[in-house]
Amino acid sequence: MQATPSADTPPDRLSVNPDSPHHDAALLERGIGVRFKGVEKTNVEEYCISEGWVRLAVGKTLDRRGNPMTMKLQGPVEVWFKS
């Protein structure tokens, strides 16, 4: 059985934070690769392809709610499934 093309296309927006409405645990378990400005990033907390931004974790610093401190960067975003 072949997978449909839409099943092999990553979502436009995805977040690793379980409290976010853009969180999808099944897709994150499958493995997502993110390339920002031509460089593969491993510390991406959230991305949006259509708006062209990523939110990256900044060190190991946490905010007052226990979430990682993040920085939003603008630029070209490429996303793919690792598996």
N, C-alpha and C. Protein backbone atom coordinates (compact mmCIF):
# COMPACT_ATOMS: atom_id res chain seq x y z
N MET A 1 0.84 -1.18 0.00
CA MET A 1 0.00 0.00 0.00
C MET A 1 0.88 1.25 0.00
N GLN A 2 0.64 2.15 -0.91
CA GLN A 2 1.45 3.36 -1.01
C GLN A 2 0.84 4.47 -0.16
N ALA A 3 1.70 5.31 0.38
CA ALA A 3 1.24 6.46 1.15
C ALA A 3 0.79 7.55 0.20
N THR A 4 -0.20 8.31 0.60
CA THR A 4 -0.67 9.40 -0.22
C THR A 4 0.32 10.55 -0.16
N PRO A 5 0.40 11.38 -1.20
CA PRO A 5 1.35 12.49 -1.19
C PRO A 5 1.13 13.44 -0.01
N SER A 6 -0.12 13.65 0.40
CA SER A 6 -0.37 14.56 1.51
C SER A 6 0.16 14.00 2.82
N ALA A 7 0.25 12.66 2.94
CA ALA A 7 0.78 12.05 4.16
C ALA A 7 2.29 12.25 4.24
N ASP A 8 2.96 12.47 3.11
CA ASP A 8 4.41 12.66 3.11
C ASP A 8 4.79 14.14 3.11
N THR A 9 3.83 15.01 3.23
CA THR A 9 4.08 16.44 3.28
C THR A 9 3.96 16.91 4.73
N PRO A 10 5.02 17.47 5.30
CA PRO A 10 4.94 17.98 6.68
C PRO A 10 3.94 19.14 6.77
N PRO A 11 3.38 19.36 7.95
CA PRO A 11 2.43 20.45 8.11
C PRO A 11 3.11 21.82 7.96
N ASP A 12 2.31 22.83 7.65
CA ASP A 12 2.82 24.19 7.47
C ASP A 12 3.39 24.73 8.78
N ARG A 13 2.76 24.35 9.90
CA ARG A 13 3.21 24.86 11.20
C ARG A 13 3.17 23.72 12.21
N LEU A 14 4.22 23.62 13.03
CA LEU A 14 4.30 22.55 14.02
C LEU A 14 5.08 23.04 15.23
N SER A 15 4.67 22.61 16.42
CA SER A 15 5.31 23.01 17.66
C SER A 15 5.61 21.78 18.51
N VAL A 16 6.70 21.80 19.26
CA VAL A 16 7.02 20.70 20.17
C VAL A 16 6.37 20.89 21.54
N ASN A 17 5.82 22.07 21.81
CA ASN A 17 5.18 22.36 23.09
C ASN A 17 3.79 21.71 23.12
N PRO A 18 3.54 20.78 24.06
CA PRO A 18 2.24 20.10 24.11
C PRO A 18 1.06 21.03 24.39
N ASP A 19 1.29 22.21 24.94
CA ASP A 19 0.21 23.16 25.22
C ASP A 19 -0.18 23.97 23.99
N SER A 20 0.59 23.90 22.93
CA SER A 20 0.32 24.67 21.71
C SER A 20 -0.76 24.00 20.88
N PRO A 21 -1.62 24.79 20.22
CA PRO A 21 -2.62 24.20 19.32
C PRO A 21 -1.99 23.60 18.07
N HIS A 22 -0.71 23.87 17.81
CA HIS A 22 -0.02 23.36 16.63
C HIS A 22 0.84 22.13 16.95
N HIS A 23 0.63 21.54 18.12
CA HIS A 23 1.38 20.35 18.54
C HIS A 23 0.73 19.09 17.97
N ASP A 24 1.55 18.18 17.43
CA ASP A 24 1.07 16.89 16.94
C ASP A 24 2.11 15.83 17.31
N ALA A 25 1.83 15.07 18.37
CA ALA A 25 2.79 14.10 18.89
C ALA A 25 3.12 13.01 17.88
N ALA A 26 2.13 12.57 17.09
CA ALA A 26 2.37 11.50 16.12
C ALA A 26 3.39 11.94 15.06
N LEU A 27 3.29 13.17 14.59
CA LEU A 27 4.25 13.67 13.61
C LEU A 27 5.63 13.85 14.21
N LEU A 28 5.69 14.28 15.45
CA LEU A 28 6.99 14.48 16.10
C LEU A 28 7.68 13.14 16.34
N GLU A 29 6.92 12.09 16.66
CA GLU A 29 7.51 10.76 16.84
C GLU A 29 8.07 10.23 15.52
N ARG A 30 7.43 10.58 14.43
CA ARG A 30 7.89 10.15 13.10
C ARG A 30 9.25 10.76 12.77
N GLY A 31 9.51 11.95 13.28
CA GLY A 31 10.78 12.62 13.05
C GLY A 31 10.67 13.70 11.99
N ILE A 32 11.00 14.92 12.36
CA ILE A 32 10.92 16.06 11.46
C ILE A 32 12.31 16.69 11.38
N GLY A 33 12.75 16.96 10.16
CA GLY A 33 14.00 17.68 9.95
C GLY A 33 13.69 19.10 9.52
N VAL A 34 14.44 20.06 10.04
CA VAL A 34 14.20 21.47 9.71
C VAL A 34 15.52 22.09 9.25
N ARG A 35 15.47 22.74 8.09
CA ARG A 35 16.61 23.48 7.57
C ARG A 35 16.20 24.94 7.51
N PHE A 36 16.98 25.80 8.19
CA PHE A 36 16.70 27.23 8.23
C PHE A 36 17.87 27.97 7.62
N LYS A 37 17.61 28.73 6.56
CA LYS A 37 18.65 29.46 5.82
C LYS A 37 19.77 28.53 5.36
N GLY A 38 19.40 27.32 4.94
CA GLY A 38 20.36 26.38 4.41
C GLY A 38 21.12 25.56 5.44
N VAL A 39 20.85 25.74 6.74
CA VAL A 39 21.55 25.03 7.79
C VAL A 39 20.54 24.19 8.58
N GLU A 40 20.84 22.90 8.76
CA GLU A 40 19.94 22.03 9.51
C GLU A 40 19.99 22.41 10.99
N LYS A 41 18.84 22.59 11.59
CA LYS A 41 18.73 22.99 13.00
C LYS A 41 18.14 21.85 13.82
N THR A 42 18.65 21.66 15.03
CA THR A 42 18.14 20.62 15.91
C THR A 42 17.46 21.18 17.15
N ASN A 43 17.50 22.50 17.34
CA ASN A 43 16.91 23.12 18.52
C ASN A 43 15.65 23.93 18.19
N VAL A 44 14.89 23.51 17.18
CA VAL A 44 13.69 24.23 16.76
C VAL A 44 12.53 23.85 17.68
N GLU A 45 11.91 24.85 18.28
CA GLU A 45 10.73 24.63 19.14
C GLU A 45 9.45 24.72 18.33
N GLU A 46 9.43 25.57 17.30
CA GLU A 46 8.24 25.76 16.46
C GLU A 46 8.69 26.34 15.13
N TYR A 47 7.93 26.02 14.07
CA TYR A 47 8.24 26.59 12.76
C TYR A 47 6.95 26.90 12.02
N CYS A 48 7.05 27.78 11.03
CA CYS A 48 5.95 28.08 10.12
C CYS A 48 6.56 28.30 8.74
N ILE A 49 6.21 27.43 7.81
CA ILE A 49 6.79 27.50 6.46
C ILE A 49 6.22 28.69 5.70
N SER A 50 4.90 28.87 5.72
CA SER A 50 4.26 29.91 4.92
C SER A 50 4.67 31.32 5.36
N GLU A 51 4.87 31.52 6.66
CA GLU A 51 5.27 32.84 7.15
C GLU A 51 6.79 33.01 7.18
N GLY A 52 7.54 31.92 7.01
CA GLY A 52 9.00 31.98 6.92
C GLY A 52 9.69 32.32 8.23
N TRP A 53 9.39 31.57 9.31
CA TRP A 53 10.08 31.79 10.58
C TRP A 53 10.23 30.49 11.35
N VAL A 54 11.21 30.49 12.25
CA VAL A 54 11.41 29.41 13.20
C VAL A 54 11.58 30.03 14.58
N ARG A 55 11.22 29.26 15.59
CA ARG A 55 11.43 29.67 16.98
C ARG A 55 12.44 28.69 17.56
N LEU A 56 13.63 29.19 17.90
CA LEU A 56 14.74 28.36 18.38
C LEU A 56 14.92 28.51 19.88
N ALA A 57 15.25 27.40 20.53
CA ALA A 57 15.56 27.43 21.97
C ALA A 57 16.90 28.13 22.15
N VAL A 58 16.98 28.96 23.18
CA VAL A 58 18.20 29.72 23.47
C VAL A 58 18.85 29.11 24.71
N GLY A 59 19.86 28.30 24.50
CA GLY A 59 20.56 27.66 25.62
C GLY A 59 19.64 26.77 26.43
N LYS A 60 19.93 26.67 27.72
CA LYS A 60 19.12 25.84 28.62
C LYS A 60 18.28 26.69 29.56
N THR A 61 18.16 27.97 29.26
CA THR A 61 17.42 28.89 30.10
C THR A 61 15.92 28.62 29.99
N LEU A 62 15.22 28.70 31.12
CA LEU A 62 13.77 28.48 31.15
C LEU A 62 13.06 29.76 31.57
N ASP A 63 11.83 29.93 31.09
CA ASP A 63 11.03 31.07 31.52
C ASP A 63 10.34 30.73 32.83
N ARG A 64 9.53 31.61 33.35
CA ARG A 64 8.91 31.41 34.66
C ARG A 64 7.88 30.28 34.67
N ARG A 65 7.44 29.83 33.49
CA ARG A 65 6.50 28.71 33.41
C ARG A 65 7.21 27.38 33.17
N GLY A 66 8.54 27.40 33.08
CA GLY A 66 9.31 26.19 32.88
C GLY A 66 9.53 25.82 31.43
N ASN A 67 9.12 26.68 30.51
CA ASN A 67 9.33 26.45 29.08
C ASN A 67 10.68 27.03 28.66
N PRO A 68 11.31 26.45 27.63
CA PRO A 68 12.59 27.01 27.16
C PRO A 68 12.42 28.43 26.63
N MET A 69 13.41 29.26 26.89
CA MET A 69 13.43 30.60 26.30
C MET A 69 13.70 30.44 24.81
N THR A 70 12.97 31.20 24.00
CA THR A 70 13.09 31.05 22.55
C THR A 70 13.34 32.38 21.88
N MET A 71 13.83 32.28 20.65
CA MET A 71 14.07 33.46 19.83
C MET A 71 13.46 33.18 18.45
N LYS A 72 12.68 34.11 17.94
CA LYS A 72 12.03 33.95 16.63
C LYS A 72 12.90 34.58 15.56
N LEU A 73 13.24 33.77 14.53
CA LEU A 73 14.08 34.23 13.44
C LEU A 73 13.33 34.12 12.12
N GLN A 74 13.48 35.11 11.26
CA GLN A 74 12.82 35.14 9.95
C GLN A 74 13.77 34.65 8.87
N GLY A 75 13.23 33.89 7.92
CA GLY A 75 14.04 33.43 6.80
C GLY A 75 13.41 32.21 6.15
N PRO A 76 14.03 31.68 5.09
CA PRO A 76 13.49 30.51 4.40
C PRO A 76 13.57 29.26 5.27
N VAL A 77 12.47 28.50 5.30
CA VAL A 77 12.36 27.30 6.12
C VAL A 77 12.05 26.12 5.22
N GLU A 78 12.81 25.03 5.35
CA GLU A 78 12.55 23.78 4.64
C GLU A 78 12.32 22.69 5.69
N VAL A 79 11.29 21.86 5.48
CA VAL A 79 10.94 20.84 6.44
C VAL A 79 10.73 19.51 5.72
N TRP A 80 11.16 18.40 6.33
CA TRP A 80 10.97 17.07 5.74
C TRP A 80 10.84 16.05 6.87
N PHE A 81 10.28 14.88 6.50
CA PHE A 81 10.20 13.77 7.46
C PHE A 81 11.50 12.99 7.40
N LYS A 82 12.06 12.66 8.55
CA LYS A 82 13.32 11.92 8.59
C LYS A 82 13.13 10.46 8.24
N SER A 83 11.95 9.90 8.52
CA SER A 83 11.72 8.48 8.22
C SER A 83 10.90 8.30 6.98
